[in-house]
Amino acid sequence: QVQLVESGGGLVQAGGSLRLSCAASGSIFSINTMGWYRQAPGKQRELVATITTFGITNYADSVKGRFTISRDNAKNTIYLQMNSLKPEDTAVYYCNWRAVVAGLKYDYWGQGTQVTVSS
């Protein structure tokens, strides 16, 4: 089992910044991918950004150039620096941890943190 604890959400005006954090604990395999997904009301959950143990990143087109994902492997923690926020970034942001070990897939989610961007 892997537990994920998110923090850093809140209310911000358009153009502002927020930084999300997600700390993983439990039975953590050293090679994994962590990331952020978000879900706005009435919409499906979508990818925001992911980062592997080796620092390889992937971003949704909608956040490229505005959001930066990073990680501290020693702390099993990832961060999402969100700049130039827009009202359409409003959503619940979920942290994800996944790994494949000996052919078995492991996939865990955090409880989510609300990000609200006012216009």
C-alpha atoms as a PDB file:
ATOM      1  CA  GLN A   1       0.000   0.000   0.000  1.00  0.00           C
ATOM      2  CA  VAL A   2       1.060   3.529  -0.772  1.00  0.00           C
ATOM      3  CA  GLN A   3      -0.422   6.539   0.968  1.00  0.00           C
ATOM      4  CA  LEU A   4      -0.442   9.934  -0.724  1.00  0.00           C
ATOM      5  CA  VAL A   5      -0.982  13.185   1.139  1.00  0.00           C
ATOM      6  CA  GLU A   6      -1.563  16.326  -0.894  1.00  0.00           C
ATOM      7  CA  SER A   7      -1.330  19.919   0.252  1.00  0.00           C
ATOM      8  CA  GLY A   8      -1.169  23.423  -1.140  1.00  0.00           C
ATOM      9  CA  GLY A   9      -4.522  23.943  -2.781  1.00  0.00           C
ATOM     10  CA  GLY A  10      -6.583  27.054  -2.259  1.00  0.00           C
ATOM     11  CA  LEU A  11      -8.183  30.117  -3.779  1.00  0.00           C
ATOM     12  CA  VAL A  12      -6.176  32.434  -5.984  1.00  0.00           C
ATOM     13  CA  GLN A  13      -6.913  35.175  -8.463  1.00  0.00           C
ATOM     14  CA  ALA A  14      -6.288  34.717 -12.157  1.00  0.00           C
ATOM     15  CA  GLY A  15      -2.644  35.296 -12.962  1.00  0.00           C
ATOM     16  CA  GLY A  16      -1.562  34.136  -9.545  1.00  0.00           C
ATOM     17  CA  SER A  17       0.475  31.142  -8.436  1.00  0.00           C
ATOM     18  CA  LEU A  18       0.084  28.109  -6.218  1.00  0.00           C
ATOM     19  CA  ARG A  19       2.367  25.241  -5.300  1.00  0.00           C
ATOM     20  CA  LEU A  20       0.996  21.775  -4.656  1.00  0.00           C
ATOM     21  CA  SER A  21       2.855  19.066  -2.784  1.00  0.00           C
ATOM     22  CA  CYS A  22       2.276  15.332  -2.564  1.00  0.00           C
ATOM     23  CA  ALA A  23       4.149  13.095  -0.151  1.00  0.00           C
ATOM     24  CA  ALA A  24       4.138   9.343  -0.635  1.00  0.00           C
ATOM     25  CA  SER A  25       4.642   6.819   2.143  1.00  0.00           C
ATOM     26  CA  GLY A  26       4.295   3.084   2.622  1.00  0.00           C
ATOM     27  CA  SER A  27       5.510   0.290   0.375  1.00  0.00           C
ATOM     28  CA  ILE A  28       7.221   2.458  -2.197  1.00  0.00           C
ATOM     29  CA  PHE A  29       9.152   0.924  -5.050  1.00  0.00           C
ATOM     30  CA  SER A  30      12.162   3.009  -5.968  1.00  0.00           C
ATOM     31  CA  ILE A  31      11.254   3.176  -9.649  1.00  0.00           C
ATOM     32  CA  ASN A  32       7.885   4.774 -10.160  1.00  0.00           C
ATOM     33  CA  THR A  33       5.970   7.549 -11.835  1.00  0.00           C
ATOM     34  CA  MET A  34       4.172  10.216  -9.870  1.00  0.00           C
ATOM     35  CA  GLY A  35       1.930  12.870 -11.221  1.00  0.00           C
ATOM     36  CA  TRP A  36      -0.966  15.230 -10.961  1.00  0.00           C
ATOM     37  CA  TYR A  37      -4.378  14.870 -12.505  1.00  0.00           C
ATOM     38  CA  ARG A  38      -7.353  17.158 -12.158  1.00  0.00           C
ATOM     39  CA  GLN A  39     -11.101  16.936 -12.390  1.00  0.00           C
ATOM     40  CA  ALA A  40     -13.379  19.905 -12.891  1.00  0.00           C
ATOM     41  CA  PRO A  41     -17.110  19.695 -12.135  1.00  0.00           C
ATOM     42  CA  GLY A  42     -18.924  17.757 -14.816  1.00  0.00           C
ATOM     43  CA  LYS A  43     -15.713  16.758 -16.557  1.00  0.00           C
ATOM     44  CA  GLN A  44     -13.543  13.681 -16.645  1.00  0.00           C
ATOM     45  CA  ARG A  45     -10.307  13.458 -14.751  1.00  0.00           C
ATOM     46  CA  GLU A  46      -7.425  14.575 -16.949  1.00  0.00           C
ATOM     47  CA  LEU A  47      -3.663  14.488 -16.915  1.00  0.00           C
ATOM     48  CA  VAL A  48      -1.841  17.594 -15.736  1.00  0.00           C
ATOM     49  CA  ALA A  49       1.753  16.418 -15.457  1.00  0.00           C
ATOM     50  CA  THR A  50       3.809  13.364 -14.550  1.00  0.00           C
ATOM     51  CA  ILE A  51       7.411  12.771 -13.572  1.00  0.00           C
ATOM     52  CA  THR A  52       9.394   9.555 -13.349  1.00  0.00           C
ATOM     53  CA  THR A  53      12.002   8.602 -10.786  1.00  0.00           C
ATOM     54  CA  PHE A  54      14.595   9.669 -13.339  1.00  0.00           C
ATOM     55  CA  GLY A  55      13.058  13.098 -13.826  1.00  0.00           C
ATOM     56  CA  ILE A  56      11.379  12.538 -17.161  1.00  0.00           C
ATOM     57  CA  THR A  57       8.365  14.809 -17.339  1.00  0.00           C
ATOM     58  CA  ASN A  58       5.177  14.935 -19.345  1.00  0.00           C
ATOM     59  CA  TYR A  59       2.693  17.806 -19.446  1.00  0.00           C
ATOM     60  CA  ALA A  60      -0.763  18.401 -20.770  1.00  0.00           C
ATOM     61  CA  ASP A  61      -0.684  20.956 -23.580  1.00  0.00           C
ATOM     62  CA  SER A  62      -2.975  23.228 -21.599  1.00  0.00           C
ATOM     63  CA  VAL A  63      -0.397  23.733 -18.838  1.00  0.00           C
ATOM     64  CA  LYS A  64       2.871  23.712 -20.750  1.00  0.00           C
ATOM     65  CA  GLY A  65       4.904  26.804 -20.014  1.00  0.00           C
ATOM     66  CA  ARG A  66       2.836  27.631 -16.916  1.00  0.00           C
ATOM     67  CA  PHE A  67       3.153  24.587 -14.650  1.00  0.00           C
ATOM     68  CA  THR A  68       6.321  22.827 -13.526  1.00  0.00           C
ATOM     69  CA  ILE A  69       6.431  19.417 -11.911  1.00  0.00           C
ATOM     70  CA  SER A  70       9.413  18.361  -9.817  1.00  0.00           C
ATOM     71  CA  ARG A  71      10.284  15.697  -7.299  1.00  0.00           C
ATOM     72  CA  ASP A  72      12.512  14.971  -4.346  1.00  0.00           C
ATOM     73  CA  ASN A  73      13.223  11.248  -4.413  1.00  0.00           C
ATOM     74  CA  ALA A  74      14.770  11.300  -0.955  1.00  0.00           C
ATOM     75  CA  LYS A  75      11.472  12.591   0.445  1.00  0.00           C
ATOM     76  CA  ASN A  76       9.216  10.648  -1.946  1.00  0.00           C
ATOM     77  CA  THR A  77       7.539  13.940  -2.659  1.00  0.00           C
ATOM     78  CA  ILE A  78       6.461  15.702  -5.815  1.00  0.00           C
ATOM     79  CA  TYR A  79       5.589  19.319  -6.363  1.00  0.00           C
ATOM     80  CA  LEU A  80       3.534  21.210  -8.891  1.00  0.00           C
ATOM     81  CA  GLN A  81       4.379  24.859  -9.303  1.00  0.00           C
ATOM     82  CA  MET A  82       1.441  26.531 -11.004  1.00  0.00           C
ATOM     83  CA  ASN A  83       1.954  30.007 -12.431  1.00  0.00           C
ATOM     84  CA  SER A  84      -0.231  32.273 -14.544  1.00  0.00           C
ATOM     85  CA  LEU A  85      -3.286  30.463 -13.291  1.00  0.00           C
ATOM     86  CA  LYS A  86      -6.509  30.748 -15.254  1.00  0.00           C
ATOM     87  CA  PRO A  87     -10.127  30.225 -14.179  1.00  0.00           C
ATOM     88  CA  GLU A  88     -10.195  27.084 -16.335  1.00  0.00           C
ATOM     89  CA  ASP A  89      -7.515  25.589 -14.065  1.00  0.00           C
ATOM     90  CA  THR A  90     -10.147  25.374 -11.333  1.00  0.00           C
ATOM     91  CA  ALA A  91     -10.513  21.713 -10.346  1.00  0.00           C
ATOM     92  CA  VAL A  92      -9.761  19.131  -7.724  1.00  0.00           C
ATOM     93  CA  TYR A  93      -6.147  18.112  -8.192  1.00  0.00           C
ATOM     94  CA  TYR A  94      -5.250  14.513  -7.454  1.00  0.00           C
ATOM     95  CA  CYS A  95      -1.825  13.051  -6.847  1.00  0.00           C
ATOM     96  CA  ASN A  96      -1.056   9.703  -8.439  1.00  0.00           C
ATOM     97  CA  TRP A  97       1.657   7.123  -7.817  1.00  0.00           C
ATOM     98  CA  ARG A  98       2.141   4.132 -10.061  1.00  0.00           C
ATOM     99  CA  ALA A  99       4.674   1.440 -10.740  1.00  0.00           C
ATOM    100  CA  VAL A 100       5.033  -1.859 -12.565  1.00  0.00           C
ATOM    101  CA  VAL A 101       6.963  -4.534 -10.694  1.00  0.00           C
ATOM    102  CA  ALA A 102       7.377  -8.080 -11.991  1.00  0.00           C
ATOM    103  CA  GLY A 103       4.498  -7.496 -14.352  1.00  0.00           C
ATOM    104  CA  LEU A 104       2.139  -6.314 -11.630  1.00  0.00           C
ATOM    105  CA  LYS A 105       0.684  -2.822 -11.850  1.00  0.00           C
ATOM    106  CA  TYR A 106       0.347  -0.653  -8.774  1.00  0.00           C
ATOM    107  CA  ASP A 107      -1.746   2.507  -8.916  1.00  0.00           C
ATOM    108  CA  TYR A 108      -2.643   4.780  -5.991  1.00  0.00           C
ATOM    109  CA  TRP A 109      -4.465   8.108  -5.664  1.00  0.00           C
ATOM    110  CA  GLY A 110      -4.511  10.854  -3.110  1.00  0.00           C
ATOM    111  CA  GLN A 111      -7.697  12.338  -1.680  1.00  0.00           C
ATOM    112  CA  GLY A 112      -7.477  15.456  -3.831  1.00  0.00           C
ATOM    113  CA  THR A 113      -6.958  19.127  -3.120  1.00  0.00           C
ATOM    114  CA  GLN A 114      -9.182  21.914  -4.408  1.00  0.00           C
ATOM    115  CA  VAL A 115      -7.713  24.660  -6.566  1.00  0.00           C
ATOM    116  CA  THR A 116     -10.002  27.571  -7.337  1.00  0.00           C
ATOM    117  CA  VAL A 117      -8.968  30.401  -9.646  1.00  0.00           C
ATOM    118  CA  SER A 118     -11.189  33.454  -9.613  1.00  0.00           C
ATOM    119  CA  SER A 119     -11.483  35.784 -12.580  1.00  0.00           C
END
